[in-house]
Amino acid sequence: MTENRVEHDEEPLRFRIFRLEKKERYARIANSVFEDGRLSWEARGLQGYLLTKPDDWQVRLFDLIARGPAGQHKVRRMLRELEEIGYLHRKRVRRKDGTFGWIVIVLEHPSLALSLGLAAPFGSPPGESPTDG
């Protein structure tokens, strides 16, 4: 358990983190996602949510809007932020019927882009390992 003390008036206040016992439906996510200071708190939360999904889960804008409290503008901004830092990659594809769609790839860490043959985003630190931080 993590314990922090803050002096308040005469007696110290104690803050603790209480956790559930995990038996099912939990995700293991690298702490680096949540500690990446380049991301807003909102983008960190969205990235954490995306990483709880199965590997074959499809990221759809209107599904994300329906599942949370953020509107279209805010969700688009968070996705753009994840893309700019390198946690999310999109590729425009033409469907058989002639319409266009997107393939969206979510990475647990931007450094995985190189091994997958994806372009590194502007501002992404080179050579940083997914286990750093």
C-alpha atoms as a PDB file:
ATOM      1  CA  MET A   1       0.000   0.000   0.000  1.00  0.00           C
ATOM      2  CA  THR A   2       1.212   3.516  -0.779  1.00  0.00           C
ATOM      3  CA  GLU A   3       1.005   5.984   2.068  1.00  0.00           C
ATOM      4  CA  ASN A   4       1.506   9.746   1.916  1.00  0.00           C
ATOM      5  CA  ARG A   5       1.435  12.155   4.819  1.00  0.00           C
ATOM      6  CA  VAL A   6       0.417  15.780   4.603  1.00  0.00           C
ATOM      7  CA  GLU A   7       0.675  18.054   7.610  1.00  0.00           C
ATOM      8  CA  HIS A   8      -2.688  19.706   8.219  1.00  0.00           C
ATOM      9  CA  ASP A   9      -3.266  21.820  11.295  1.00  0.00           C
ATOM     10  CA  GLU A  10      -2.112  19.704  14.237  1.00  0.00           C
ATOM     11  CA  GLU A  11      -2.493  16.108  13.127  1.00  0.00           C
ATOM     12  CA  PRO A  12      -1.135  14.517   9.938  1.00  0.00           C
ATOM     13  CA  LEU A  13      -3.636  13.342   7.341  1.00  0.00           C
ATOM     14  CA  ARG A  14      -2.973   9.987   5.707  1.00  0.00           C
ATOM     15  CA  PHE A  15      -3.773   9.169   2.119  1.00  0.00           C
ATOM     16  CA  ARG A  16      -3.777   5.589   0.930  1.00  0.00           C
ATOM     17  CA  ILE A  17      -4.556   3.747  -2.247  1.00  0.00           C
ATOM     18  CA  PHE A  18      -6.902   0.800  -1.851  1.00  0.00           C
ATOM     19  CA  ARG A  19      -7.003  -1.782  -4.627  1.00  0.00           C
ATOM     20  CA  LEU A  20      -9.397  -4.536  -5.608  1.00  0.00           C
ATOM     21  CA  GLU A  21      -8.251  -8.132  -5.582  1.00  0.00           C
ATOM     22  CA  LYS A  22      -7.917  -9.036  -9.249  1.00  0.00           C
ATOM     23  CA  LYS A  23      -9.429 -12.374 -10.204  1.00  0.00           C
ATOM     24  CA  GLU A  24     -10.774 -11.587 -13.680  1.00  0.00           C
ATOM     25  CA  ARG A  25     -11.193  -8.741 -16.184  1.00  0.00           C
ATOM     26  CA  TYR A  26      -8.069  -6.721 -15.491  1.00  0.00           C
ATOM     27  CA  ALA A  27      -5.310  -5.403 -17.738  1.00  0.00           C
ATOM     28  CA  ARG A  28      -1.568  -5.202 -17.353  1.00  0.00           C
ATOM     29  CA  ILE A  29      -0.371  -1.917 -18.795  1.00  0.00           C
ATOM     30  CA  ALA A  30       3.112  -0.431 -18.625  1.00  0.00           C
ATOM     31  CA  ASN A  31       3.358   2.453 -16.167  1.00  0.00           C
ATOM     32  CA  SER A  32       5.166   4.487 -18.833  1.00  0.00           C
ATOM     33  CA  VAL A  33       1.810   5.165 -20.522  1.00  0.00           C
ATOM     34  CA  PHE A  34       0.544   6.959 -17.426  1.00  0.00           C
ATOM     35  CA  GLU A  35       3.844   8.666 -16.633  1.00  0.00           C
ATOM     36  CA  ASP A  36       4.435  10.144 -20.090  1.00  0.00           C
ATOM     37  CA  GLY A  37       4.481  13.874 -19.348  1.00  0.00           C
ATOM     38  CA  ARG A  38       3.981  14.689 -23.034  1.00  0.00           C
ATOM     39  CA  LEU A  39       0.377  13.479 -22.749  1.00  0.00           C
ATOM     40  CA  SER A  40      -2.501  15.286 -21.073  1.00  0.00           C
ATOM     41  CA  TRP A  41      -4.276  13.475 -18.243  1.00  0.00           C
ATOM     42  CA  GLU A  42      -7.208  12.944 -20.600  1.00  0.00           C
ATOM     43  CA  ALA A  43      -5.069  11.330 -23.294  1.00  0.00           C
ATOM     44  CA  ARG A  44      -3.376   9.096 -20.706  1.00  0.00           C
ATOM     45  CA  GLY A  45      -6.796   7.900 -19.549  1.00  0.00           C
ATOM     46  CA  LEU A  46      -8.011   7.239 -23.093  1.00  0.00           C
ATOM     47  CA  GLN A  47      -4.811   5.355 -23.914  1.00  0.00           C
ATOM     48  CA  GLY A  48      -5.243   3.263 -20.764  1.00  0.00           C
ATOM     49  CA  TYR A  49      -8.829   2.500 -21.802  1.00  0.00           C
ATOM     50  CA  LEU A  50      -7.732   1.491 -25.311  1.00  0.00           C
ATOM     51  CA  LEU A  51      -5.070  -0.816 -23.896  1.00  0.00           C
ATOM     52  CA  THR A  52      -7.685  -2.687 -21.843  1.00  0.00           C
ATOM     53  CA  LYS A  53      -9.344  -3.841 -25.065  1.00  0.00           C
ATOM     54  CA  PRO A  54      -8.513  -7.104 -26.892  1.00  0.00           C
ATOM     55  CA  ASP A  55      -5.789  -6.942 -29.544  1.00  0.00           C
ATOM     56  CA  ASP A  56      -8.324  -7.244 -32.376  1.00  0.00           C
ATOM     57  CA  TRP A  57     -10.664  -4.543 -31.009  1.00  0.00           C
ATOM     58  CA  GLN A  58     -11.440  -1.802 -33.529  1.00  0.00           C
ATOM     59  CA  VAL A  59     -11.108   1.839 -32.499  1.00  0.00           C
ATOM     60  CA  ARG A  60     -14.163   3.776 -33.680  1.00  0.00           C
ATOM     61  CA  LEU A  61     -14.699   7.434 -32.891  1.00  0.00           C
ATOM     62  CA  PHE A  62     -18.440   7.250 -32.310  1.00  0.00           C
ATOM     63  CA  ASP A  63     -18.087   4.138 -30.153  1.00  0.00           C
ATOM     64  CA  LEU A  64     -15.626   6.008 -27.898  1.00  0.00           C
ATOM     65  CA  ILE A  65     -18.013   8.949 -27.685  1.00  0.00           C
ATOM     66  CA  ALA A  66     -20.914   6.661 -26.759  1.00  0.00           C
ATOM     67  CA  ARG A  67     -18.898   4.880 -24.041  1.00  0.00           C
ATOM     68  CA  GLY A  68     -17.678   7.947 -22.176  1.00  0.00           C
ATOM     69  CA  PRO A  69     -18.475  11.462 -21.036  1.00  0.00           C
ATOM     70  CA  ALA A  70     -16.419  13.278 -23.697  1.00  0.00           C
ATOM     71  CA  GLY A  71     -17.941  14.711 -26.844  1.00  0.00           C
ATOM     72  CA  GLN A  72     -16.723  14.374 -30.409  1.00  0.00           C
ATOM     73  CA  HIS A  73     -14.407  17.397 -30.293  1.00  0.00           C
ATOM     74  CA  LYS A  74     -12.652  16.252 -27.106  1.00  0.00           C
ATOM     75  CA  VAL A  75     -12.297  12.610 -28.220  1.00  0.00           C
ATOM     76  CA  ARG A  76     -10.855  13.741 -31.574  1.00  0.00           C
ATOM     77  CA  ARG A  77      -8.393  15.998 -29.726  1.00  0.00           C
ATOM     78  CA  MET A  78      -7.270  13.140 -27.448  1.00  0.00           C
ATOM     79  CA  LEU A  79      -6.859  10.761 -30.403  1.00  0.00           C
ATOM     80  CA  ARG A  80      -4.874  13.418 -32.295  1.00  0.00           C
ATOM     81  CA  GLU A  81      -2.655  13.882 -29.224  1.00  0.00           C
ATOM     82  CA  LEU A  82      -2.018  10.131 -29.012  1.00  0.00           C
ATOM     83  CA  GLU A  83      -1.214  10.117 -32.722  1.00  0.00           C
ATOM     84  CA  GLU A  84       1.178  13.080 -32.494  1.00  0.00           C
ATOM     85  CA  ILE A  85       3.183  11.394 -29.723  1.00  0.00           C
ATOM     86  CA  GLY A  86       3.142   7.993 -31.458  1.00  0.00           C
ATOM     87  CA  TYR A  87       0.794   5.883 -29.369  1.00  0.00           C
ATOM     88  CA  LEU A  88      -1.723   5.715 -32.214  1.00  0.00           C
ATOM     89  CA  HIS A  89      -1.165   5.284 -35.957  1.00  0.00           C
ATOM     90  CA  ARG A  90      -3.772   5.576 -38.699  1.00  0.00           C
ATOM     91  CA  LYS A  91      -3.687   4.474 -42.297  1.00  0.00           C
ATOM     92  CA  ARG A  92      -6.342   5.470 -44.817  1.00  0.00           C
ATOM     93  CA  VAL A  93      -7.553   2.550 -46.938  1.00  0.00           C
ATOM     94  CA  ARG A  94      -9.934   2.193 -49.846  1.00  0.00           C
ATOM     95  CA  ARG A  95     -12.668  -0.386 -49.339  1.00  0.00           C
ATOM     96  CA  LYS A  96     -13.952  -2.735 -52.055  1.00  0.00           C
ATOM     97  CA  ASP A  97     -17.030  -0.543 -52.513  1.00  0.00           C
ATOM     98  CA  GLY A  98     -14.846   2.484 -53.331  1.00  0.00           C
ATOM     99  CA  THR A  99     -15.338   4.284 -50.009  1.00  0.00           C
ATOM    100  CA  PHE A 100     -12.502   5.145 -47.663  1.00  0.00           C
ATOM    101  CA  GLY A 101     -11.904   3.994 -44.121  1.00  0.00           C
ATOM    102  CA  TRP A 102      -9.121   3.880 -41.579  1.00  0.00           C
ATOM    103  CA  ILE A 103      -6.947   1.194 -40.073  1.00  0.00           C
ATOM    104  CA  VAL A 104      -6.066   2.297 -36.542  1.00  0.00           C
ATOM    105  CA  ILE A 105      -3.126   0.784 -34.669  1.00  0.00           C
ATOM    106  CA  VAL A 106      -2.709   1.436 -30.937  1.00  0.00           C
ATOM    107  CA  LEU A 107       0.753   0.934 -29.447  1.00  0.00           C
ATOM    108  CA  GLU A 108       1.520   0.485 -25.779  1.00  0.00           C
ATOM    109  CA  HIS A 109       4.644   2.601 -26.343  1.00  0.00           C
ATOM    110  CA  PRO A 110       5.751   4.749 -29.322  1.00  0.00           C
ATOM    111  CA  SER A 111       9.052   2.852 -29.583  1.00  0.00           C
ATOM    112  CA  LEU A 112       7.130  -0.169 -30.908  1.00  0.00           C
ATOM    113  CA  ALA A 113       6.495   1.735 -34.168  1.00  0.00           C
ATOM    114  CA  LEU A 114       9.955   1.012 -35.564  1.00  0.00           C
ATOM    115  CA  SER A 115       9.687  -2.747 -35.108  1.00  0.00           C
ATOM    116  CA  LEU A 116       6.281  -2.672 -36.846  1.00  0.00           C
ATOM    117  CA  GLY A 117       7.548  -0.593 -39.762  1.00  0.00           C
ATOM    118  CA  LEU A 118       5.490   2.460 -38.790  1.00  0.00           C
ATOM    119  CA  ALA A 119       6.839   5.978 -39.128  1.00  0.00           C
ATOM    120  CA  ALA A 120       8.059   7.534 -35.897  1.00  0.00           C
ATOM    121  CA  PRO A 121       6.032  10.659 -35.033  1.00  0.00           C
ATOM    122  CA  PHE A 122       7.583  14.101 -34.768  1.00  0.00           C
ATOM    123  CA  GLY A 123       8.868  14.699 -31.261  1.00  0.00           C
ATOM    124  CA  SER A 124       9.099  11.004 -30.353  1.00  0.00           C
ATOM    125  CA  PRO A 125      12.327  10.281 -28.465  1.00  0.00           C
ATOM    126  CA  PRO A 126      14.483   7.848 -30.479  1.00  0.00           C
ATOM    127  CA  GLY A 127      15.609   4.609 -28.920  1.00  0.00           C
ATOM    128  CA  GLU A 128      13.393   4.826 -25.829  1.00  0.00           C
ATOM    129  CA  SER A 129      12.424   1.375 -24.632  1.00  0.00           C
ATOM    130  CA  PRO A 130       8.831   0.395 -23.729  1.00  0.00           C
ATOM    131  CA  THR A 131      10.169  -0.660 -20.337  1.00  0.00           C
ATOM    132  CA  ASP A 132      11.824   2.696 -19.597  1.00  0.00           C
ATOM    133  CA  GLY A 133      10.189   4.818 -16.938  1.00  0.00           C
END
